[in-house]
């Protein structure tokens, strides 16, 4: 399934790698953020600022994919499954298992873990409130009615 993979780091016993196909999507995301989305919402900034914002946005996206895949891997470990690691590739990421889950309960738990990686209120309320506040503090361009009102 994967071509050439490069190891980025190891964390909690899991190796995190990127497939070379990931570079294609990373470049596409940075480019689309830097030349489309950010200039539309934040007019008048330097071109280099848009590119820096694009890189930071792409890194944030891929960090969230890694956290998502770690949640699958940690639950798999709880059920005794050996994990090969996590690989980022053109379609996102995948937590690679050595074998199939031992039961339907294990598989269901692993699937649910990806929906909400951190279960405690310290992990959900603080990041959620930061995200909501950041979203509402942005000032997108005014939207005008097509009827001229």
N, C-alpha and C. Protein backbone atom coordinates (compact mmCIF):
# COMPACT_ATOMS: atom_id res chain seq x y z
N UNK A 1 0.81 -1.18 0.00
CA UNK A 1 0.00 0.00 0.00
C UNK A 1 0.86 1.26 0.00
N UNK A 2 1.97 1.21 0.69
CA UNK A 2 2.81 2.40 0.80
C UNK A 2 4.07 2.23 -0.04
N UNK A 3 4.59 3.37 -0.48
CA UNK A 3 5.86 3.38 -1.21
C UNK A 3 6.98 3.64 -0.23
N UNK A 4 7.78 4.62 -0.54
CA UNK A 4 8.91 4.98 0.32
C UNK A 4 8.40 5.76 1.52
N UNK A 5 8.79 5.30 2.73
CA UNK A 5 8.37 5.97 3.95
C UNK A 5 9.60 6.49 4.69
N UNK A 6 9.41 7.64 5.34
CA UNK A 6 10.48 8.27 6.11
C UNK A 6 10.02 8.36 7.56
N UNK A 7 10.87 7.89 8.47
CA UNK A 7 10.53 7.96 9.89
C UNK A 7 10.70 9.39 10.38
N UNK A 8 9.64 9.93 11.03
CA UNK A 8 9.69 11.26 11.60
C UNK A 8 10.16 11.23 13.05
N UNK A 9 9.49 10.38 13.86
CA UNK A 9 9.82 10.27 15.28
C UNK A 9 9.11 9.07 15.87
N UNK A 10 9.47 8.75 17.11
CA UNK A 10 8.78 7.72 17.89
C UNK A 10 8.20 8.38 19.13
N UNK A 11 6.99 7.96 19.50
CA UNK A 11 6.34 8.49 20.69
C UNK A 11 5.49 7.38 21.29
N UNK A 12 5.67 7.15 22.58
CA UNK A 12 4.94 6.12 23.31
C UNK A 12 5.10 4.74 22.67
N UNK A 13 6.23 4.50 22.07
CA UNK A 13 6.48 3.21 21.45
C UNK A 13 5.95 3.06 20.04
N UNK A 14 5.39 4.10 19.46
CA UNK A 14 4.87 4.05 18.10
C UNK A 14 5.77 4.87 17.20
N UNK A 15 6.14 4.31 16.06
CA UNK A 15 6.91 5.06 15.07
C UNK A 15 5.95 5.82 14.17
N UNK A 16 6.22 7.09 13.97
CA UNK A 16 5.41 7.92 13.08
C UNK A 16 6.24 8.16 11.82
N UNK A 17 5.64 7.79 10.67
CA UNK A 17 6.34 7.90 9.39
C UNK A 17 5.47 8.68 8.41
N UNK A 18 6.11 9.20 7.37
CA UNK A 18 5.36 9.79 6.26
C UNK A 18 5.71 9.04 4.99
N UNK A 19 4.69 8.80 4.20
CA UNK A 19 4.86 8.25 2.87
C UNK A 19 5.15 9.42 1.95
N UNK A 20 5.96 9.20 0.93
CA UNK A 20 6.29 10.29 0.02
C UNK A 20 5.06 10.89 -0.65
N UNK A 21 3.97 10.11 -0.76
CA UNK A 21 2.74 10.64 -1.34
C UNK A 21 2.17 11.77 -0.47
N UNK A 22 2.52 11.77 0.80
CA UNK A 22 2.06 12.81 1.72
C UNK A 22 2.58 14.18 1.31
N UNK A 23 3.78 14.23 0.73
CA UNK A 23 4.34 15.51 0.31
C UNK A 23 3.45 16.21 -0.71
N UNK A 24 2.82 15.44 -1.58
CA UNK A 24 1.92 16.01 -2.57
C UNK A 24 0.77 16.74 -1.90
N UNK A 25 0.12 16.09 -0.95
CA UNK A 25 -1.03 16.70 -0.29
C UNK A 25 -0.58 17.85 0.61
N UNK A 26 0.58 17.74 1.24
CA UNK A 26 1.09 18.82 2.10
C UNK A 26 1.33 20.08 1.28
N UNK A 27 1.95 19.92 0.12
CA UNK A 27 2.21 21.07 -0.76
C UNK A 27 0.89 21.67 -1.25
N UNK A 28 -0.06 20.82 -1.61
CA UNK A 28 -1.35 21.30 -2.08
C UNK A 28 -2.09 22.08 -0.99
N UNK A 29 -2.06 21.59 0.24
CA UNK A 29 -2.75 22.28 1.34
C UNK A 29 -2.08 23.62 1.63
N UNK A 30 -0.76 23.63 1.73
CA UNK A 30 -0.05 24.90 1.99
C UNK A 30 -0.36 25.90 0.88
N UNK A 31 -0.28 25.47 -0.36
CA UNK A 31 -0.55 26.35 -1.50
C UNK A 31 -1.98 26.89 -1.47
N UNK A 32 -2.96 26.01 -1.22
CA UNK A 32 -4.36 26.47 -1.24
C UNK A 32 -4.65 27.43 -0.09
N UNK A 33 -4.05 27.20 1.06
CA UNK A 33 -4.23 28.13 2.18
C UNK A 33 -3.54 29.47 1.90
N UNK A 34 -2.31 29.41 1.39
CA UNK A 34 -1.51 30.62 1.19
C UNK A 34 -1.98 31.48 0.03
N UNK A 35 -2.55 30.87 -0.97
CA UNK A 35 -2.95 31.66 -2.15
C UNK A 35 -4.46 31.87 -2.27
N UNK A 36 -5.24 31.13 -1.49
CA UNK A 36 -6.69 31.25 -1.60
C UNK A 36 -7.38 31.68 -0.32
N UNK A 37 -7.38 30.82 0.65
CA UNK A 37 -8.17 31.04 1.86
C UNK A 37 -7.69 32.24 2.68
N UNK A 38 -6.43 32.26 3.05
CA UNK A 38 -5.95 33.34 3.92
C UNK A 38 -5.97 34.71 3.24
N UNK A 39 -5.56 34.85 1.99
CA UNK A 39 -5.68 36.17 1.35
C UNK A 39 -7.14 36.65 1.23
N UNK A 40 -8.07 35.71 1.11
CA UNK A 40 -9.48 36.08 1.02
C UNK A 40 -9.98 36.64 2.35
N UNK A 41 -9.62 35.97 3.45
CA UNK A 41 -10.10 36.39 4.77
C UNK A 41 -9.26 37.50 5.40
N UNK A 42 -8.00 37.58 5.07
CA UNK A 42 -7.10 38.56 5.69
C UNK A 42 -6.37 39.34 4.60
N UNK A 43 -7.04 40.30 4.03
CA UNK A 43 -6.47 41.09 2.92
C UNK A 43 -5.36 42.00 3.41
N UNK A 44 -4.39 42.26 2.52
CA UNK A 44 -3.39 43.26 2.77
C UNK A 44 -2.14 42.81 3.51
N UNK A 45 -2.00 41.54 3.77
CA UNK A 45 -0.78 41.06 4.42
C UNK A 45 0.29 40.76 3.39
N UNK A 46 1.52 40.66 3.84
CA UNK A 46 2.63 40.33 2.94
C UNK A 46 2.46 38.89 2.43
N UNK A 47 2.91 38.67 1.21
CA UNK A 47 2.81 37.33 0.62
C UNK A 47 3.50 36.29 1.49
N UNK A 48 4.65 36.65 2.05
CA UNK A 48 5.38 35.70 2.91
C UNK A 48 4.56 35.34 4.14
N UNK A 49 3.77 36.27 4.64
CA UNK A 49 2.92 35.99 5.81
C UNK A 49 1.88 34.93 5.46
N UNK A 50 1.29 35.03 4.27
CA UNK A 50 0.31 34.04 3.85
C UNK A 50 0.95 32.65 3.74
N UNK A 51 2.17 32.59 3.23
CA UNK A 51 2.85 31.30 3.10
C UNK A 51 3.20 30.73 4.47
N UNK A 52 3.61 31.57 5.40
CA UNK A 52 3.88 31.09 6.77
C UNK A 52 2.59 30.59 7.41
N UNK A 53 1.51 31.33 7.23
CA UNK A 53 0.21 30.89 7.75
C UNK A 53 -0.21 29.56 7.12
N UNK A 54 0.05 29.39 5.83
CA UNK A 54 -0.27 28.14 5.15
C UNK A 54 0.49 26.97 5.72
N UNK A 55 1.79 27.17 5.97
CA UNK A 55 2.61 26.10 6.55
C UNK A 55 2.12 25.75 7.95
N UNK A 56 1.83 26.76 8.76
CA UNK A 56 1.34 26.51 10.12
C UNK A 56 -0.01 25.80 10.09
N UNK A 57 -0.88 26.21 9.17
CA UNK A 57 -2.18 25.55 9.03
C UNK A 57 -2.04 24.09 8.65
N UNK A 58 -1.16 23.80 7.70
CA UNK A 58 -0.93 22.42 7.27
C UNK A 58 -0.33 21.59 8.40
N UNK A 59 0.61 22.17 9.14
CA UNK A 59 1.20 21.45 10.28
C UNK A 59 0.14 21.15 11.33
N UNK A 60 -0.75 22.10 11.57
CA UNK A 60 -1.84 21.86 12.52
C UNK A 60 -2.75 20.73 12.08
N UNK A 61 -3.06 20.71 10.78
CA UNK A 61 -3.90 19.63 10.26
C UNK A 61 -3.22 18.28 10.44
N UNK A 62 -1.95 18.19 10.07
CA UNK A 62 -1.27 16.91 10.16
C UNK A 62 -1.00 16.51 11.61
N UNK A 63 -0.82 17.48 12.50
CA UNK A 63 -0.69 17.14 13.93
C UNK A 63 -2.00 16.55 14.44
N UNK A 64 -3.13 17.10 13.98
CA UNK A 64 -4.41 16.54 14.41
C UNK A 64 -4.63 15.13 13.87
N UNK A 65 -4.12 14.86 12.68
CA UNK A 65 -4.23 13.50 12.13
C UNK A 65 -3.38 12.54 12.96
N UNK A 66 -2.20 12.98 13.38
CA UNK A 66 -1.35 12.13 14.21
C UNK A 66 -2.03 11.85 15.55
N UNK A 67 -2.61 12.87 16.18
CA UNK A 67 -3.32 12.67 17.45
C UNK A 67 -4.47 11.69 17.25
N UNK A 68 -5.19 11.85 16.15
CA UNK A 68 -6.29 10.94 15.83
C UNK A 68 -5.81 9.49 15.71
N UNK A 69 -4.74 9.29 14.98
CA UNK A 69 -4.21 7.93 14.79
C UNK A 69 -3.62 7.38 16.09
N UNK A 70 -3.01 8.25 16.90
CA UNK A 70 -2.51 7.80 18.21
C UNK A 70 -3.65 7.27 19.07
N UNK A 71 -4.81 7.90 18.99
CA UNK A 71 -5.94 7.43 19.80
C UNK A 71 -6.34 6.02 19.39
N UNK A 72 -6.38 5.74 18.09
CA UNK A 72 -6.65 4.37 17.64
C UNK A 72 -5.59 3.41 18.18
N UNK A 73 -4.33 3.80 18.08
CA UNK A 73 -3.22 2.94 18.47
C UNK A 73 -3.21 2.66 19.97
N UNK A 74 -3.50 3.66 20.77
CA UNK A 74 -3.51 3.46 22.23
C UNK A 74 -4.62 2.52 22.67
N UNK A 75 -5.78 2.62 22.05
CA UNK A 75 -6.87 1.70 22.38
C UNK A 75 -6.51 0.29 21.91
N UNK A 76 -5.90 0.19 20.75
CA UNK A 76 -5.47 -1.13 20.26
C UNK A 76 -4.49 -1.76 21.24
N UNK A 77 -3.57 -0.95 21.74
CA UNK A 77 -2.61 -1.46 22.72
C UNK A 77 -3.33 -1.95 23.98
N UNK A 78 -4.36 -1.22 24.40
CA UNK A 78 -5.12 -1.63 25.59
C UNK A 78 -5.74 -3.01 25.41
N UNK A 79 -6.12 -3.35 24.18
CA UNK A 79 -6.69 -4.65 23.89
C UNK A 79 -5.63 -5.69 23.52
N UNK A 80 -4.36 -5.35 23.70
CA UNK A 80 -3.29 -6.32 23.49
C UNK A 80 -2.80 -6.46 22.07
N UNK A 81 -3.21 -5.57 21.18
CA UNK A 81 -2.76 -5.65 19.79
C UNK A 81 -1.41 -4.98 19.62
N UNK A 82 -0.53 -5.64 18.90
CA UNK A 82 0.76 -5.03 18.57
C UNK A 82 0.57 -4.12 17.37
N UNK A 83 1.11 -2.92 17.47
CA UNK A 83 0.96 -1.93 16.39
C UNK A 83 2.31 -1.72 15.71
N UNK A 84 2.28 -1.64 14.38
CA UNK A 84 3.50 -1.37 13.61
C UNK A 84 3.89 0.10 13.71
N UNK A 85 2.91 0.97 13.74
CA UNK A 85 3.18 2.39 13.80
C UNK A 85 2.10 3.18 13.09
N UNK A 86 2.38 4.44 12.87
CA UNK A 86 1.44 5.35 12.23
C UNK A 86 2.11 5.92 10.99
N UNK A 87 1.38 5.94 9.88
CA UNK A 87 1.93 6.47 8.64
C UNK A 87 0.98 7.53 8.08
N UNK A 88 1.53 8.70 7.77
CA UNK A 88 0.79 9.73 7.06
C UNK A 88 0.98 9.49 5.58
N UNK A 89 -0.12 9.55 4.82
CA UNK A 89 -0.02 9.38 3.38
C UNK A 89 -1.05 10.26 2.70
N UNK A 90 -1.16 10.20 1.41
CA UNK A 90 -1.94 11.15 0.62
C UNK A 90 -3.40 11.25 1.09
N UNK A 91 -3.98 10.20 1.64
CA UNK A 91 -5.38 10.24 2.07
C UNK A 91 -5.54 10.49 3.57
N UNK A 92 -4.48 10.85 4.27
CA UNK A 92 -4.58 11.13 5.71
C UNK A 92 -3.55 10.37 6.48
N UNK A 93 -4.03 9.45 7.31
CA UNK A 93 -3.12 8.67 8.13
C UNK A 93 -3.71 7.31 8.41
N UNK A 94 -2.86 6.41 8.85
CA UNK A 94 -3.32 5.06 9.19
C UNK A 94 -2.48 4.52 10.34
N UNK A 95 -3.16 3.89 11.29
CA UNK A 95 -2.49 3.18 12.37
C UNK A 95 -2.38 1.73 11.91
N UNK A 96 -1.15 1.25 11.76
CA UNK A 96 -0.93 -0.08 11.18
C UNK A 96 -0.85 -1.15 12.27
N UNK A 97 -1.70 -2.17 12.14
CA UNK A 97 -1.74 -3.27 13.10
C UNK A 97 -0.99 -4.48 12.55
N UNK A 98 -0.43 -5.29 13.47
CA UNK A 98 0.19 -6.54 13.05
C UNK A 98 -0.87 -7.60 12.75
N UNK A 99 -1.98 -7.56 13.50
CA UNK A 99 -3.04 -8.56 13.32
C UNK A 99 -4.40 -7.89 13.50
N UNK A 100 -5.43 -8.65 13.23
CA UNK A 100 -6.80 -8.15 13.37
C UNK A 100 -7.18 -8.04 14.85
N UNK A 101 -8.13 -7.17 15.19
CA UNK A 101 -8.59 -7.07 16.58
C UNK A 101 -9.16 -8.40 17.05
N UNK A 102 -8.98 -8.73 18.35
CA UNK A 102 -9.41 -10.03 18.85
C UNK A 102 -10.92 -10.19 18.97
N UNK A 103 -11.66 -9.08 19.02
CA UNK A 103 -13.11 -9.17 19.18
C UNK A 103 -13.78 -7.96 18.53
N UNK A 104 -15.10 -8.07 18.40
CA UNK A 104 -15.87 -6.96 17.86
C UNK A 104 -15.80 -5.76 18.82
N UNK A 105 -15.77 -6.04 20.12
CA UNK A 105 -15.68 -4.97 21.11
C UNK A 105 -14.38 -4.18 20.95
N UNK A 106 -13.28 -4.90 20.73
CA UNK A 106 -12.00 -4.23 20.54
C UNK A 106 -12.02 -3.37 19.28
N UNK A 107 -12.56 -3.91 18.20
CA UNK A 107 -12.61 -3.16 16.95
C UNK A 107 -13.51 -1.93 17.08
N UNK A 108 -14.66 -2.09 17.74
CA UNK A 108 -15.58 -0.98 17.93
C UNK A 108 -14.94 0.10 18.81
N UNK A 109 -14.25 -0.30 19.86
CA UNK A 109 -13.58 0.66 20.74
C UNK A 109 -12.49 1.42 20.00
N UNK A 110 -11.75 0.72 19.15
CA UNK A 110 -10.70 1.38 18.36
C UNK A 110 -11.32 2.39 17.39
N UNK A 111 -12.44 2.03 16.79
CA UNK A 111 -13.10 2.94 15.86
C UNK A 111 -13.62 4.18 16.59
N UNK A 112 -14.21 4.00 17.76
CA UNK A 112 -14.73 5.13 18.52
C UNK A 112 -13.62 6.04 19.03
N UNK A 113 -12.46 5.48 19.29
CA UNK A 113 -11.35 6.28 19.81
C UNK A 113 -10.96 7.38 18.83
N UNK A 114 -11.12 7.15 17.56
CA UNK A 114 -10.78 8.16 16.57
C UNK A 114 -11.75 9.33 16.54
N UNK A 115 -12.95 9.12 17.07
CA UNK A 115 -13.93 10.20 17.08
C UNK A 115 -13.64 11.24 18.16
N UNK A 116 -13.11 10.79 19.27
CA UNK A 116 -12.83 11.69 20.38
C UNK A 116 -11.57 11.22 21.09
N UNK A 117 -10.41 11.66 20.62
CA UNK A 117 -9.14 11.14 21.13
C UNK A 117 -8.93 11.31 22.62
N UNK A 118 -9.34 12.45 23.18
CA UNK A 118 -9.11 12.69 24.60
C UNK A 118 -10.46 12.80 25.29
N UNK A 119 -10.66 12.03 26.33
CA UNK A 119 -11.97 11.95 26.94
C UNK A 119 -12.17 12.87 28.14
N UNK A 120 -11.13 13.29 28.80
CA UNK A 120 -11.28 14.10 30.00
C UNK A 120 -11.65 15.53 29.68
N UNK A 121 -12.31 16.21 30.64
CA UNK A 121 -12.74 17.60 30.39
C UNK A 121 -11.55 18.54 30.18
N UNK A 122 -10.40 18.21 30.76
CA UNK A 122 -9.23 19.07 30.57
C UNK A 122 -8.74 19.03 29.13
N UNK A 123 -9.07 17.97 28.40
CA UNK A 123 -8.63 17.86 27.01
C UNK A 123 -9.68 18.35 26.03
N UNK A 124 -10.95 18.37 26.46
CA UNK A 124 -11.99 18.77 25.51
C UNK A 124 -12.45 20.20 25.72
N UNK A 125 -12.66 20.64 26.95
CA UNK A 125 -13.20 21.99 27.14
C UNK A 125 -12.20 23.08 26.83
N UNK A 126 -10.96 22.94 27.26
CA UNK A 126 -9.99 24.01 27.04
C UNK A 126 -9.69 24.18 25.55
N UNK A 127 -9.30 23.11 24.81
CA UNK A 127 -9.06 23.32 23.37
C UNK A 127 -10.32 23.77 22.64
N UNK A 128 -11.48 23.27 23.04
CA UNK A 128 -12.72 23.68 22.37
C UNK A 128 -12.98 25.16 22.57
N UNK A 129 -12.81 25.63 23.81
CA UNK A 129 -13.08 27.06 24.05
C UNK A 129 -12.05 27.93 23.34
N UNK A 130 -10.80 27.48 23.27
CA UNK A 130 -9.78 28.24 22.54
C UNK A 130 -10.14 28.30 21.06
N UNK A 131 -10.56 27.17 20.49
CA UNK A 131 -10.92 27.13 19.07
C UNK A 131 -12.13 28.01 18.78
N UNK A 132 -13.15 27.94 19.63
CA UNK A 132 -14.36 28.75 19.41
C UNK A 132 -14.03 30.23 19.53
N UNK A 133 -13.25 30.60 20.55
CA UNK A 133 -12.88 32.01 20.72
C UNK A 133 -12.03 32.50 19.54
N UNK A 134 -11.10 31.66 19.08
CA UNK A 134 -10.27 32.05 17.93
C UNK A 134 -11.13 32.23 16.69
N UNK A 135 -12.09 31.33 16.50
CA UNK A 135 -12.96 31.42 15.33
C UNK A 135 -13.77 32.72 15.34
N UNK A 136 -14.37 33.03 16.49
CA UNK A 136 -15.21 34.22 16.56
C UNK A 136 -14.42 35.53 16.63
N UNK A 137 -13.13 35.44 16.94
CA UNK A 137 -12.33 36.66 16.96
C UNK A 137 -11.83 37.03 15.57
N UNK A 138 -11.93 36.10 14.62
CA UNK A 138 -11.53 36.41 13.24
C UNK A 138 -12.52 37.39 12.64
N UNK A 139 -12.04 38.21 11.77
CA UNK A 139 -12.94 39.16 11.12
C UNK A 139 -12.94 38.91 9.62
N UNK A 140 -13.80 37.99 9.15
CA UNK A 140 -13.86 37.74 7.71
C UNK A 140 -14.46 38.94 6.99
N UNK A 141 -14.26 39.02 5.68
CA UNK A 141 -14.79 40.15 4.93
C UNK A 141 -16.32 40.20 5.03
N UNK A 142 -16.85 41.38 4.90
CA UNK A 142 -18.30 41.56 4.97
C UNK A 142 -18.96 40.82 3.81
N UNK A 143 -20.09 40.22 4.09
CA UNK A 143 -20.84 39.52 3.06
C UNK A 143 -21.99 40.45 2.66
N UNK A 144 -22.06 40.75 1.40
CA UNK A 144 -23.12 41.66 0.94
C UNK A 144 -24.23 40.85 0.30
N UNK A 145 -25.40 41.34 0.45
CA UNK A 145 -26.57 40.68 -0.11
C UNK A 145 -26.57 40.83 -1.62
N UNK A 146 -27.08 39.83 -2.31
CA UNK A 146 -27.16 39.89 -3.76
C UNK A 146 -28.33 40.77 -4.21
N UNK A 147 -29.22 41.10 -3.27
CA UNK A 147 -30.35 41.96 -3.64
C UNK A 147 -30.01 43.43 -3.50
N UNK A 148 -28.83 43.75 -3.01
CA UNK A 148 -28.39 45.12 -2.89
C UNK A 148 -28.79 45.79 -1.58
N UNK A 149 -29.37 45.06 -0.66
CA UNK A 149 -29.79 45.64 0.63
C UNK A 149 -28.67 45.65 1.62
